[in-house]
Structure formats: C-alpha cells, structure tokens
Amino acid sequence: MTYEELKNVEINQLIAETDLLKLAKECLSIVDSSTMKDKEITMLIESAIRDLERVEVDVKGHIEDNLVKNTIIIYVKAHFGDGDINKRTEYLKRYKTNLRELQFSEEYQKKEEVDNNA
C-alpha cells in the first residue's frame, strides 16, 4: 500500500469514526437517510481535512473540537453543489478566516515528534 493510499484510508476511517458526514448533511439540509450525495460530501470532507493538514493543523488530535468541525463544515458548504454565489463567497471567506486562526494557533498545530535515537 502506498503512502497516499494509507493516508486515504486514515481519512476515511476518521470520517467513519466521527459524525462529520451526518453533521454535514444536516447543515446542508439533507435528510440523514438520503445517500445520493454521500460520495460528494465525503469527498469535500476529505478535501477540507487535507487542506487543514496542509497548513499543519492537527486534525486527528482535534477532530472533536467544534472549531475544527465548523471549519470542515464551512468548507463543505462553500463547495457543495451550485448554490447561491454570494453565500458561497461568504462561506469561503469564513473558511479562510477559520483556517488562518487554526494555522497560527499553537494549540491546533501538529506537534513535532522528537527522535530520541538521534
């Protein structure tokens, strides 16, 4: 298994272990029993997680934190479907604000692992 495949498995497992899909559907006004858009929503959740990881936010360590969840959901809402462009612009603006707050907060940063064998 490649590193990229392993990373996908980890993110999919993270989504399965949390209520992110259910929460995203609720925020998009989609009934939980509907599965028609699950792949698209899951893809957007994965993209949000990867974007947070790109700026060194410890998503896995803070996945139950409401600021992290909110940031992921705002990303989903900004990119889902062909909605109102003004709302999408506002969601993107809010997402970027949250992303910056998380990126520059020491509390949410990935901790560097110290190699004691070095």
PDB file of N, CA and C in Angstrom:
ATOM      1  N   MET A   1       0.843  -1.167   0.000  1.00  0.00           N
ATOM      2  CA  MET A   1       0.000   0.000   0.000  1.00  0.00           C
ATOM      3  C   MET A   1       0.900   1.247   0.000  1.00  0.00           C
ATOM      4  N   THR A   2       0.589   2.172  -0.905  1.00  0.00           N
ATOM      5  CA  THR A   2       1.382   3.391  -0.990  1.00  0.00           C
ATOM      6  C   THR A   2       1.043   4.338   0.152  1.00  0.00           C
ATOM      7  N   TYR A   3       1.895   5.326   0.348  1.00  0.00           N
ATOM      8  CA  TYR A   3       1.669   6.334   1.390  1.00  0.00           C
ATOM      9  C   TYR A   3       0.350   7.058   1.146  1.00  0.00           C
ATOM     10  N   GLU A   4       0.084   7.392  -0.106  1.00  0.00           N
ATOM     11  CA  GLU A   4      -1.154   8.112  -0.460  1.00  0.00           C
ATOM     12  C   GLU A   4      -2.382   7.249  -0.160  1.00  0.00           C
ATOM     13  N   GLU A   5      -2.327   5.970  -0.482  1.00  0.00           N
ATOM     14  CA  GLU A   5      -3.448   5.066  -0.190  1.00  0.00           C
ATOM     15  C   GLU A   5      -3.659   4.947   1.320  1.00  0.00           C
ATOM     16  N   LEU A   6      -2.565   4.864   2.061  1.00  0.00           N
ATOM     17  CA  LEU A   6      -2.650   4.776   3.515  1.00  0.00           C
ATOM     18  C   LEU A   6      -3.280   6.036   4.099  1.00  0.00           C
ATOM     19  N   LYS A   7      -2.906   7.171   3.574  1.00  0.00           N
ATOM     20  CA  LYS A   7      -3.472   8.446   4.029  1.00  0.00           C
ATOM     21  C   LYS A   7      -4.974   8.493   3.752  1.00  0.00           C
ATOM     22  N   ASN A   8      -5.405   8.012   2.574  1.00  0.00           N
ATOM     23  CA  ASN A   8      -6.828   7.963   2.249  1.00  0.00           C
ATOM     24  C   ASN A   8      -7.589   7.063   3.208  1.00  0.00           C
ATOM     25  N   VAL A   9      -7.015   5.930   3.553  1.00  0.00           N
ATOM     26  CA  VAL A   9      -7.644   5.008   4.495  1.00  0.00           C
ATOM     27  C   VAL A   9      -7.796   5.686   5.850  1.00  0.00           C
ATOM     28  N   GLU A  10      -6.736   6.379   6.292  1.00  0.00           N
ATOM     29  CA  GLU A  10      -6.785   7.069   7.583  1.00  0.00           C
ATOM     30  C   GLU A  10      -7.879   8.128   7.602  1.00  0.00           C
ATOM     31  N   ILE A  11      -8.004   8.909   6.542  1.00  0.00           N
ATOM     32  CA  ILE A  11      -9.020   9.960   6.490  1.00  0.00           C
ATOM     33  C   ILE A  11     -10.412   9.343   6.427  1.00  0.00           C
ATOM     34  N   ASN A  12     -10.595   8.303   5.612  1.00  0.00           N
ATOM     35  CA  ASN A  12     -11.894   7.634   5.531  1.00  0.00           C
ATOM     36  C   ASN A  12     -12.284   7.041   6.873  1.00  0.00           C
ATOM     37  N   GLN A  13     -11.325   6.470   7.579  1.00  0.00           N
ATOM     38  CA  GLN A  13     -11.572   5.907   8.902  1.00  0.00           C
ATOM     39  C   GLN A  13     -11.947   7.016   9.884  1.00  0.00           C
ATOM     40  N   LEU A  14     -11.272   8.138   9.797  1.00  0.00           N
ATOM     41  CA  LEU A  14     -11.565   9.286  10.652  1.00  0.00           C
ATOM     42  C   LEU A  14     -12.998   9.770  10.424  1.00  0.00           C
ATOM     43  N   ILE A  15     -13.405   9.862   9.165  1.00  0.00           N
ATOM     44  CA  ILE A  15     -14.772  10.287   8.841  1.00  0.00           C
ATOM     45  C   ILE A  15     -15.777   9.272   9.372  1.00  0.00           C
ATOM     46  N   ALA A  16     -15.478   7.979   9.212  1.00  0.00           N
ATOM     47  CA  ALA A  16     -16.387   6.932   9.680  1.00  0.00           C
ATOM     48  C   ALA A  16     -16.532   6.931  11.202  1.00  0.00           C
ATOM     49  N   GLU A  17     -15.461   7.286  11.911  1.00  0.00           N
ATOM     50  CA  GLU A  17     -15.478   7.256  13.373  1.00  0.00           C
ATOM     51  C   GLU A  17     -16.108   8.502  13.990  1.00  0.00           C
ATOM     52  N   THR A  18     -16.376   9.508  13.177  1.00  0.00           N
ATOM     53  CA  THR A  18     -16.965  10.746  13.688  1.00  0.00           C
ATOM     54  C   THR A  18     -18.346  10.938  13.078  1.00  0.00           C
ATOM     55  N   ASP A  19     -18.985  12.011  13.467  1.00  0.00           N
ATOM     56  CA  ASP A  19     -20.302  12.330  12.920  1.00  0.00           C
ATOM     57  C   ASP A  19     -20.221  13.372  11.813  1.00  0.00           C
ATOM     58  N   LEU A  20     -19.058  13.522  11.178  1.00  0.00           N
ATOM     59  CA  LEU A  20     -18.862  14.575  10.187  1.00  0.00           C
ATOM     60  C   LEU A  20     -19.817  14.467   8.997  1.00  0.00           C
ATOM     61  N   LEU A  21     -20.013  13.270   8.469  1.00  0.00           N
ATOM     62  CA  LEU A  21     -20.916  13.109   7.327  1.00  0.00           C
ATOM     63  C   LEU A  21     -22.337  13.457   7.737  1.00  0.00           C
ATOM     64  N   LYS A  22     -22.764  12.946   8.861  1.00  0.00           N
ATOM     65  CA  LYS A  22     -24.119  13.233   9.359  1.00  0.00           C
ATOM     66  C   LYS A  22     -24.284  14.733   9.613  1.00  0.00           C
ATOM     67  N   LEU A  23     -23.289  15.345  10.244  1.00  0.00           N
ATOM     68  CA  LEU A  23     -23.333  16.771  10.545  1.00  0.00           C
ATOM     69  C   LEU A  23     -23.366  17.603   9.264  1.00  0.00           C
ATOM     70  N   ALA A  24     -22.548  17.232   8.286  1.00  0.00           N
ATOM     71  CA  ALA A  24     -22.522  17.963   7.015  1.00  0.00           C
ATOM     72  C   ALA A  24     -23.880  17.876   6.323  1.00  0.00           C
ATOM     73  N   LYS A  25     -24.461  16.689   6.299  1.00  0.00           N
ATOM     74  CA  LYS A  25     -25.774  16.525   5.673  1.00  0.00           C
ATOM     75  C   LYS A  25     -26.824  17.365   6.393  1.00  0.00           C
ATOM     76  N   GLU A  26     -26.759  17.378   7.701  1.00  0.00           N
ATOM     77  CA  GLU A  26     -27.699  18.175   8.487  1.00  0.00           C
ATOM     78  C   GLU A  26     -27.540  19.664   8.152  1.00  0.00           C
ATOM     79  N   CYS A  27     -26.312  20.135   8.068  1.00  0.00           N
ATOM     80  CA  CYS A  27     -26.046  21.550   7.764  1.00  0.00           C
ATOM     81  C   CYS A  27     -26.408  21.917   6.325  1.00  0.00           C
ATOM     82  N   LEU A  28     -26.450  20.926   5.460  1.00  0.00           N
ATOM     83  CA  LEU A  28     -26.848  21.151   4.068  1.00  0.00           C
ATOM     84  C   LEU A  28     -28.341  20.903   3.860  1.00  0.00           C
ATOM     85  N   SER A  29     -29.059  20.621   4.947  1.00  0.00           N
ATOM     86  CA  SER A  29     -30.498  20.324   4.916  1.00  0.00           C
ATOM     87  C   SER A  29     -30.815  19.085   4.086  1.00  0.00           C
ATOM     88  N   ILE A  30     -29.966  18.068   4.237  1.00  0.00           N
ATOM     89  CA  ILE A  30     -30.177  16.783   3.579  1.00  0.00           C
ATOM     90  C   ILE A  30     -30.534  15.777   4.667  1.00  0.00           C
ATOM     91  N   VAL A  31     -31.621  15.040   4.471  1.00  0.00           N
ATOM     92  CA  VAL A  31     -32.018  14.063   5.485  1.00  0.00           C
ATOM     93  C   VAL A  31     -30.960  12.975   5.603  1.00  0.00           C
ATOM     94  N   ASP A  32     -30.764  12.521   6.814  1.00  0.00           N
ATOM     95  CA  ASP A  32     -29.713  11.541   7.102  1.00  0.00           C
ATOM     96  C   ASP A  32     -29.887  10.246   6.315  1.00  0.00           C
ATOM     97  N   SER A  33     -31.137   9.859   6.046  1.00  0.00           N
ATOM     98  CA  SER A  33     -31.385   8.591   5.356  1.00  0.00           C
ATOM     99  C   SER A  33     -31.060   8.658   3.859  1.00  0.00           C
ATOM    100  N   SER A  34     -30.933   9.853   3.303  1.00  0.00           N
ATOM    101  CA  SER A  34     -30.592  10.003   1.892  1.00  0.00           C
ATOM    102  C   SER A  34     -29.094   9.767   1.698  1.00  0.00           C
ATOM    103  N   THR A  35     -28.763   8.936   0.724  1.00  0.00           N
ATOM    104  CA  THR A  35     -27.351   8.622   0.471  1.00  0.00           C
ATOM    105  C   THR A  35     -26.881   9.093  -0.905  1.00  0.00           C
ATOM    106  N   MET A  36     -27.763   9.739  -1.651  1.00  0.00           N
ATOM    107  CA  MET A  36     -27.463  10.117  -3.025  1.00  0.00           C
ATOM    108  C   MET A  36     -26.223  11.019  -3.140  1.00  0.00           C
ATOM    109  N   LYS A  37     -25.992  11.912  -2.207  1.00  0.00           N
ATOM    110  CA  LYS A  37     -24.887  12.861  -2.278  1.00  0.00           C
ATOM    111  C   LYS A  37     -23.747  12.520  -1.318  1.00  0.00           C
ATOM    112  N   ASP A  38     -23.790  11.345  -0.705  1.00  0.00           N
ATOM    113  CA  ASP A  38     -22.772  10.975   0.281  1.00  0.00           C
ATOM    114  C   ASP A  38     -21.352  10.995  -0.279  1.00  0.00           C
ATOM    115  N   LYS A  39     -21.165  10.513  -1.507  1.00  0.00           N
ATOM    116  CA  LYS A  39     -19.819  10.485  -2.089  1.00  0.00           C
ATOM    117  C   LYS A  39     -19.276  11.896  -2.271  1.00  0.00           C
ATOM    118  N   GLU A  40     -20.106  12.792  -2.766  1.00  0.00           N
ATOM    119  CA  GLU A  40     -19.667  14.172  -2.969  1.00  0.00           C
ATOM    120  C   GLU A  40     -19.345  14.838  -1.631  1.00  0.00           C
ATOM    121  N   ILE A  41     -20.207  14.644  -0.653  1.00  0.00           N
ATOM    122  CA  ILE A  41     -19.995  15.250   0.660  1.00  0.00           C
ATOM    123  C   ILE A  41     -18.742  14.676   1.311  1.00  0.00           C
ATOM    124  N   THR A  42     -18.561  13.368   1.225  1.00  0.00           N
ATOM    125  CA  THR A  42     -17.380  12.721   1.794  1.00  0.00           C
ATOM    126  C   THR A  42     -16.111  13.239   1.119  1.00  0.00           C
ATOM    127  N   MET A  43     -16.156  13.406  -0.192  1.00  0.00           N
ATOM    128  CA  MET A  43     -15.011  13.942  -0.925  1.00  0.00           C
ATOM    129  C   MET A  43     -14.669  15.354  -0.433  1.00  0.00           C
ATOM    130  N   LEU A  44     -15.682  16.164  -0.189  1.00  0.00           N
ATOM    131  CA  LEU A  44     -15.450  17.525   0.296  1.00  0.00           C
ATOM    132  C   LEU A  44     -14.902  17.526   1.723  1.00  0.00           C
ATOM    133  N   ILE A  45     -15.391  16.621   2.557  1.00  0.00           N
ATOM    134  CA  ILE A  45     -14.858  16.491   3.919  1.00  0.00           C
ATOM    135  C   ILE A  45     -13.389  16.101   3.856  1.00  0.00           C
ATOM    136  N   GLU A  46     -13.068  15.127   3.000  1.00  0.00           N
ATOM    137  CA  GLU A  46     -11.674  14.702   2.829  1.00  0.00           C
ATOM    138  C   GLU A  46     -10.808  15.872   2.357  1.00  0.00           C
ATOM    139  N   SER A  47     -11.320  16.649   1.425  1.00  0.00           N
ATOM    140  CA  SER A  47     -10.571  17.798   0.910  1.00  0.00           C
ATOM    141  C   SER A  47     -10.319  18.825   2.005  1.00  0.00           C
ATOM    142  N   ALA A  48     -11.312  19.067   2.824  1.00  0.00           N
ATOM    143  CA  ALA A  48     -11.154  20.020   3.930  1.00  0.00           C
ATOM    144  C   ALA A  48     -10.097  19.527   4.914  1.00  0.00           C
ATOM    145  N   ILE A  49     -10.144  18.240   5.243  1.00  0.00           N
ATOM    146  CA  ILE A  49      -9.171  17.661   6.174  1.00  0.00           C
ATOM    147  C   ILE A  49      -7.761  17.787   5.597  1.00  0.00           C
ATOM    148  N   ARG A  50      -7.610  17.467   4.320  1.00  0.00           N
ATOM    149  CA  ARG A  50      -6.294  17.580   3.674  1.00  0.00           C
ATOM    150  C   ARG A  50      -5.807  19.024   3.651  1.00  0.00           C
ATOM    151  N   ASP A  51      -6.721  19.962   3.432  1.00  0.00           N
ATOM    152  CA  ASP A  51      -6.323  21.366   3.413  1.00  0.00           C
ATOM    153  C   ASP A  51      -5.871  21.816   4.797  1.00  0.00           C
ATOM    154  N   LEU A  52      -6.564  21.373   5.831  1.00  0.00           N
ATOM    155  CA  LEU A  52      -6.149  21.689   7.198  1.00  0.00           C
ATOM    156  C   LEU A  52      -4.792  21.062   7.512  1.00  0.00           C
ATOM    157  N   GLU A  53      -4.596  19.825   7.080  1.00  0.00           N
ATOM    158  CA  GLU A  53      -3.310  19.156   7.303  1.00  0.00           C
ATOM    159  C   GLU A  53      -2.194  19.844   6.530  1.00  0.00           C
ATOM    160  N   ARG A  54      -2.524  20.392   5.373  1.00  0.00           N
ATOM    161  CA  ARG A  54      -1.539  21.093   4.543  1.00  0.00           C
ATOM    162  C   ARG A  54      -0.900  22.252   5.294  1.00  0.00           C
ATOM    163  N   VAL A  55      -1.669  22.902   6.159  1.00  0.00           N
ATOM    164  CA  VAL A  55      -1.138  24.023   6.929  1.00  0.00           C
ATOM    165  C   VAL A  55      -0.764  23.587   8.349  1.00  0.00           C
ATOM    166  N   GLU A  56      -0.538  22.274   8.498  1.00  0.00           N
ATOM    167  CA  GLU A  56      -0.025  21.689   9.742  1.00  0.00           C
ATOM    168  C   GLU A  56      -0.990  21.733  10.927  1.00  0.00           C
ATOM    169  N   VAL A  57      -2.301  21.753  10.653  1.00  0.00           N
ATOM    170  CA  VAL A  57      -3.284  21.654  11.731  1.00  0.00           C
ATOM    171  C   VAL A  57      -3.436  20.184  12.094  1.00  0.00           C
ATOM    172  N   ASP A  58      -3.420  19.893  13.383  1.00  0.00           N
ATOM    173  CA  ASP A  58      -3.567  18.527  13.883  1.00  0.00           C
ATOM    174  C   ASP A  58      -5.051  18.163  13.908  1.00  0.00           C
ATOM    175  N   VAL A  59      -5.562  17.779  12.751  1.00  0.00           N
ATOM    176  CA  VAL A  59      -6.990  17.471  12.619  1.00  0.00           C
ATOM    177  C   VAL A  59      -7.351  16.249  13.459  1.00  0.00           C
ATOM    178  N   LYS A  60      -6.557  15.206  13.358  1.00  0.00           N
ATOM    179  CA  LYS A  60      -6.869  13.967  14.087  1.00  0.00           C
ATOM    180  C   LYS A  60      -6.899  14.184  15.591  1.00  0.00           C
ATOM    181  N   GLY A  61      -6.006  15.008  16.092  1.00  0.00           N
ATOM    182  CA  GLY A  61      -5.953  15.265  17.523  1.00  0.00           C
ATOM    183  C   GLY A  61      -7.048  16.194  18.024  1.00  0.00           C
ATOM    184  N   HIS A  62      -7.700  16.900  17.089  1.00  0.00           N
ATOM    185  CA  HIS A  62      -8.728  17.873  17.476  1.00  0.00           C
ATOM    186  C   HIS A  62     -10.038  17.664  16.713  1.00  0.00           C
ATOM    187  N   ILE A  63     -10.267  16.460  16.224  1.00  0.00           N
ATOM    188  CA  ILE A  63     -11.437  16.211  15.375  1.00  0.00           C
ATOM    189  C   ILE A  63     -12.760  16.429  16.114  1.00  0.00           C
ATOM    190  N   GLU A  64     -12.760  16.317  17.427  1.00  0.00           N
ATOM    191  CA  GLU A  64     -13.989  16.552  18.193  1.00  0.00           C
ATOM    192  C   GLU A  64     -14.140  18.015  18.604  1.00  0.00           C
ATOM    193  N   ASP A  65     -13.153  18.845  18.287  1.00  0.00           N
ATOM    194  CA  ASP A  65     -13.200  20.259  18.620  1.00  0.00           C
ATOM    195  C   ASP A  65     -14.177  20.974  17.685  1.00  0.00           C
ATOM    196  N   ASN A  66     -15.043  21.794  18.254  1.00  0.00           N
ATOM    197  CA  ASN A  66     -16.066  22.453  17.448  1.00  0.00           C
ATOM    198  C   ASN A  66     -15.499  23.422  16.417  1.00  0.00           C
ATOM    199  N   LEU A  67     -14.379  24.053  16.691  1.00  0.00           N
ATOM    200  CA  LEU A  67     -13.783  24.957  15.705  1.00  0.00           C
ATOM    201  C   LEU A  67     -13.290  24.173  14.484  1.00  0.00           C
ATOM    202  N   VAL A  68     -12.700  23.020  14.715  1.00  0.00           N
ATOM    203  CA  VAL A  68     -12.239  22.175  13.609  1.00  0.00           C
ATOM    204  C   VAL A  68     -13.439  21.655  12.817  1.00  0.00           C
ATOM    205  N   LYS A  69     -14.441  21.152  13.521  1.00  0.00           N
ATOM    206  CA  LYS A  69     -15.652  20.658  12.839  1.00  0.00           C
ATOM    207  C   LYS A  69     -16.305  21.771  12.037  1.00  0.00           C
ATOM    208  N   ASN A  70     -16.445  22.937  12.646  1.00  0.00           N
ATOM    209  CA  ASN A  70     -17.070  24.071  11.977  1.00  0.00           C
ATOM    210  C   ASN A  70     -16.311  24.451  10.716  1.00  0.00           C
ATOM    211  N   THR A  71     -14.994  24.436  10.788  1.00  0.00           N
ATOM    212  CA  THR A  71     -14.170  24.783   9.631  1.00  0.00           C
ATOM    213  C   THR A  71     -14.382  23.782   8.496  1.00  0.00           C
ATOM    214  N   ILE A  72     -14.448  22.507   8.837  1.00  0.00           N
ATOM    215  CA  ILE A  72     -14.693  21.467   7.826  1.00  0.00           C
ATOM    216  C   ILE A  72     -16.069  21.652   7.195  1.00  0.00           C
ATOM    217  N   ILE A  73     -17.079  21.898   8.012  1.00  0.00           N
ATOM    218  CA  ILE A  73     -18.445  22.051   7.505  1.00  0.00           C
ATOM    219  C   ILE A  73     -18.566  23.300   6.638  1.00  0.00           C
ATOM    220  N   ILE A  74     -17.925  24.390   7.029  1.00  0.00           N
ATOM    221  CA  ILE A  74     -17.955  25.608   6.209  1.00  0.00           C
ATOM    222  C   ILE A  74     -17.329  25.333   4.841  1.00  0.00           C
ATOM    223  N   TYR A  75     -16.241  24.565   4.825  1.00  0.00           N
ATOM    224  CA  TYR A  75     -15.601  24.189   3.557  1.00  0.00           C
ATOM    225  C   TYR A  75     -16.594  23.414   2.687  1.00  0.00           C
ATOM    226  N   VAL A  76     -17.269  22.456   3.292  1.00  0.00           N
ATOM    227  CA  VAL A  76     -18.254  21.648   2.558  1.00  0.00           C
ATOM    228  C   VAL A  76     -19.353  22.544   1.990  1.00  0.00           C
ATOM    229  N   LYS A  77     -19.884  23.424   2.822  1.00  0.00           N
ATOM    230  CA  LYS A  77     -20.968  24.304   2.377  1.00  0.00           C
ATOM    231  C   LYS A  77     -20.509  25.234   1.250  1.00  0.00           C
ATOM    232  N   ALA A  78     -19.264  25.675   1.296  1.00  0.00           N
ATOM    233  CA  ALA A  78     -18.741  26.569   0.262  1.00  0.00           C
ATOM    234  C   ALA A  78     -18.573  25.868  -1.078  1.00  0.00           C
ATOM    235  N   HIS A  79     -18.334  24.573  -1.058  1.00  0.00           N
ATOM    236  CA  HIS A  79     -18.023  23.849  -2.291  1.00  0.00           C
ATOM    237  C   HIS A  79     -19.126  22.900  -2.757  1.00  0.00           C
ATOM    238  N   PHE A  80     -20.200  22.763  -2.011  1.00  0.00           N
ATOM    239  CA  PHE A  80     -21.244  21.800  -2.348  1.00  0.00           C
ATOM    240  C   PHE A  80     -22.226  22.370  -3.368  1.00  0.00           C
ATOM    241  N   GLY A  81     -22.458  21.611  -4.418  1.00  0.00           N
ATOM    242  CA  GLY A  81     -23.495  21.945  -5.394  1.00  0.00           C
ATOM    243  C   GLY A  81     -23.277  23.265  -6.101  1.00  0.00           C
ATOM    244  N   ASP A  82     -24.328  23.764  -6.671  1.00  0.00           N
ATOM    245  CA  ASP A  82     -24.285  25.019  -7.421  1.00  0.00           C
ATOM    246  C   ASP A  82     -25.147  26.070  -6.735  1.00  0.00           C
ATOM    247  N   GLY A  83     -24.900  26.289  -5.472  1.00  0.00           N
ATOM    248  CA  GLY A  83     -25.722  27.208  -4.697  1.00  0.00           C
ATOM    249  C   GLY A  83     -25.493  28.668  -5.020  1.00  0.00           C
ATOM    250  N   ASP A  84     -26.093  29.498  -4.231  1.00  0.00           N
ATOM    251  CA  ASP A  84     -26.013  30.952  -4.338  1.00  0.00           C
ATOM    252  C   ASP A  84     -24.551  31.407  -4.246  1.00  0.00           C
ATOM    253  N   ILE A  85     -24.079  32.124  -5.256  1.00  0.00           N
ATOM    254  CA  ILE A  85     -22.679  32.543  -5.326  1.00  0.00           C
ATOM    255  C   ILE A  85     -22.315  33.470  -4.169  1.00  0.00           C
ATOM    256  N   ASN A  86     -23.234  34.302  -3.727  1.00  0.00           N
ATOM    257  CA  ASN A  86     -22.953  35.203  -2.604  1.00  0.00           C
ATOM    258  C   ASN A  86     -22.742  34.426  -1.312  1.00  0.00           C
ATOM    259  N   LYS A  87     -23.560  33.402  -1.090  1.00  0.00           N
ATOM    260  CA  LYS A  87     -23.385  32.559   0.101  1.00  0.00           C
ATOM    261  C   LYS A  87     -22.073  31.790   0.020  1.00  0.00           C
ATOM    262  N   ARG A  88     -21.774  31.277  -1.157  1.00  0.00           N
ATOM    263  CA  ARG A  88     -20.524  30.524  -1.331  1.00  0.00           C
ATOM    264  C   ARG A  88     -19.322  31.407  -1.048  1.00  0.00           C
ATOM    265  N   THR A  89     -19.370  32.652  -1.529  1.00  0.00           N
ATOM    266  CA  THR A  89     -18.284  33.595  -1.295  1.00  0.00           C
ATOM    267  C   THR A  89     -18.135  33.865   0.201  1.00  0.00           C
ATOM    268  N   GLU A  90     -19.252  34.044   0.884  1.00  0.00           N
ATOM    269  CA  GLU A  90     -19.222  34.280   2.330  1.00  0.00           C
ATOM    270  C   GLU A  90     -18.662  33.063   3.071  1.00  0.00           C
ATOM    271  N   TYR A  91     -19.079  31.859   2.684  1.00  0.00           N
ATOM    272  CA  TYR A  91     -18.554  30.645   3.317  1.00  0.00           C
ATOM    273  C   TYR A  91     -17.054  30.515   3.102  1.00  0.00           C
ATOM    274  N   LEU A  92     -16.591  30.802   1.886  1.00  0.00           N
ATOM    275  CA  LEU A  92     -15.153  30.729   1.608  1.00  0.00           C
ATOM    276  C   LEU A  92     -14.376  31.729   2.452  1.00  0.00           C
ATOM    277  N   LYS A  93     -14.915  32.905   2.605  1.00  0.00           N
ATOM    278  CA  LYS A  93     -14.279  33.930   3.428  1.00  0.00           C
ATOM    279  C   LYS A  93     -14.196  33.456   4.884  1.00  0.00           C
ATOM    280  N   ARG A  94     -15.288  32.904   5.385  1.00  0.00           N
ATOM    281  CA  ARG A  94     -15.303  32.382   6.761  1.00  0.00           C
ATOM    282  C   ARG A  94     -14.342  31.209   6.908  1.00  0.00           C
ATOM    283  N   TYR A  95     -14.289  30.345   5.875  1.00  0.00           N
ATOM    284  CA  TYR A  95     -13.374  29.205   5.915  1.00  0.00           C
ATOM    285  C   TYR A  95     -11.925  29.685   6.016  1.00  0.00           C
ATOM    286  N   LYS A  96     -11.567  30.636   5.179  1.00  0.00           N
ATOM    287  CA  LYS A  96     -10.190  31.145   5.181  1.00  0.00           C
ATOM    288  C   LYS A  96      -9.837  31.810   6.507  1.00  0.00           C
ATOM    289  N   THR A  97     -10.806  32.488   7.114  1.00  0.00           N
ATOM    290  CA  THR A  97     -10.582  33.106   8.427  1.00  0.00           C
ATOM    291  C   THR A  97     -10.324  32.023   9.474  1.00  0.00           C
ATOM    292  N   ASN A  98     -11.184  31.003   9.500  1.00  0.00           N
ATOM    293  CA  ASN A  98     -11.000  29.893  10.450  1.00  0.00           C
ATOM    294  C   ASN A  98      -9.672  29.179  10.200  1.00  0.00           C
ATOM    295  N   LEU A  99      -9.355  28.955   8.936  1.00  0.00           N
ATOM    296  CA  LEU A  99      -8.122  28.270   8.576  1.00  0.00           C
ATOM    297  C   LEU A  99      -6.915  29.026   9.124  1.00  0.00           C
ATOM    298  N   ARG A 100      -6.911  30.331   8.949  1.00  0.00           N
ATOM    299  CA  ARG A 100      -5.810  31.158   9.468  1.00  0.00           C
ATOM    300  C   ARG A 100      -5.729  31.070  10.991  1.00  0.00           C
ATOM    301  N   GLU A 101      -6.880  31.140  11.656  1.00  0.00           N
ATOM    302  CA  GLU A 101      -6.897  31.064  13.119  1.00  0.00           C
ATOM    303  C   GLU A 101      -6.317  29.731  13.598  1.00  0.00           C
ATOM    304  N   LEU A 102      -6.707  28.654  12.947  1.00  0.00           N
ATOM    305  CA  LEU A 102      -6.188  27.332  13.317  1.00  0.00           C
ATOM    306  C   LEU A 102      -4.704  27.211  12.977  1.00  0.00           C
ATOM    307  N   GLN A 103      -4.333  27.713  11.823  1.00  0.00           N
ATOM    308  CA  GLN A 103      -2.954  27.612  11.349  1.00  0.00           C
ATOM    309  C   GLN A 103      -1.973  28.303  12.289  1.00  0.00           C
ATOM    310  N   PHE A 104      -2.368  29.429  12.839  1.00  0.00           N
ATOM    311  CA  PHE A 104      -1.442  30.203  13.658  1.00  0.00           C
ATOM    312  C   PHE A 104      -1.643  30.021  15.154  1.00  0.00           C
ATOM    313  N   SER A 105      -2.517  29.105  15.532  1.00  0.00           N
ATOM    314  CA  SER A 105      -2.724  28.803  16.944  1.00  0.00           C
ATOM    315  C   SER A 105      -1.859  27.606  17.337  1.00  0.00           C
ATOM    316  N   GLU A 106      -1.007  27.796  18.320  1.00  0.00           N
ATOM    317  CA  GLU A 106      -0.133  26.700  18.756  1.00  0.00           C
ATOM    318  C   GLU A 106      -0.936  25.495  19.238  1.00  0.00           C
ATOM    319  N   GLU A 107      -2.089  25.758  19.816  1.00  0.00           N
ATOM    320  CA  GLU A 107      -2.936  24.683  20.352  1.00  0.00           C
ATOM    321  C   GLU A 107      -3.327  23.665  19.282  1.00  0.00           C
ATOM    322  N   TYR A 108      -3.523  24.132  18.053  1.00  0.00           N
ATOM    323  CA  TYR A 108      -4.019  23.263  16.986  1.00  0.00           C
ATOM    324  C   TYR A 108      -2.921  22.741  16.063  1.00  0.00           C
ATOM    325  N   GLN A 109      -1.691  23.141  16.276  1.00  0.00           N
ATOM    326  CA  GLN A 109      -0.597  22.731  15.409  1.00  0.00           C
ATOM    327  C   GLN A 109      -0.175  21.290  15.693  1.00  0.00           C
ATOM    328  N   LYS A 110       0.273  20.614  14.646  1.00  0.00           N
ATOM    329  CA  LYS A 110       0.840  19.284  14.818  1.00  0.00           C
ATOM    330  C   LYS A 110       2.098  19.413  15.643  1.00  0.00           C
ATOM    331  N   LYS A 111       2.236  18.532  16.588  1.00  0.00           N
ATOM    332  CA  LYS A 111       3.443  18.530  17.426  1.00  0.00           C
ATOM    333  C   LYS A 111       4.512  17.726  16.699  1.00  0.00           C
ATOM    334  N   GLU A 112       5.706  18.284  16.664  1.00  0.00           N
ATOM    335  CA  GLU A 112       6.825  17.559  16.048  1.00  0.00           C
ATOM    336  C   GLU A 112       7.253  16.439  16.972  1.00  0.00           C
ATOM    337  N   GLU A 113       7.405  15.278  16.373  1.00  0.00           N
ATOM    338  CA  GLU A 113       7.858  14.129  17.158  1.00  0.00           C
ATOM    339  C   GLU A 113       9.358  14.213  17.331  1.00  0.00           C
ATOM    340  N   VAL A 114       9.794  14.033  18.554  1.00  0.00           N
ATOM    341  CA  VAL A 114      11.213  14.097  18.862  1.00  0.00           C
ATOM    342  C   VAL A 114      11.788  12.681  18.740  1.00  0.00           C
ATOM    343  N   ASP A 115      12.855  12.576  17.969  1.00  0.00           N
ATOM    344  CA  ASP A 115      13.514  11.295  17.809  1.00  0.00           C
ATOM    345  C   ASP A 115      14.598  11.166  18.878  1.00  0.00           C
ATOM    346  N   ASN A 116      14.325  10.334  19.868  1.00  0.00           N
ATOM    347  CA  ASN A 116      15.270  10.145  20.976  1.00  0.00           C
ATOM    348  C   ASN A 116      16.479   9.301  20.578  1.00  0.00           C
ATOM    349  N   ASN A 117      16.407   8.682  19.416  1.00  0.00           N
ATOM    350  CA  ASN A 117      17.508   7.841  18.959  1.00  0.00           C
ATOM    351  C   ASN A 117      18.568   8.650  18.207  1.00  0.00           C
ATOM    352  N   ALA A 118      18.286   9.889  17.932  1.00  0.00           N
ATOM    353  CA  ALA A 118      19.212  10.696  17.138  1.00  0.00           C
ATOM    354  C   ALA A 118      20.361  11.189  17.994  1.00  0.00           C
TER     355      ALA A 118
END
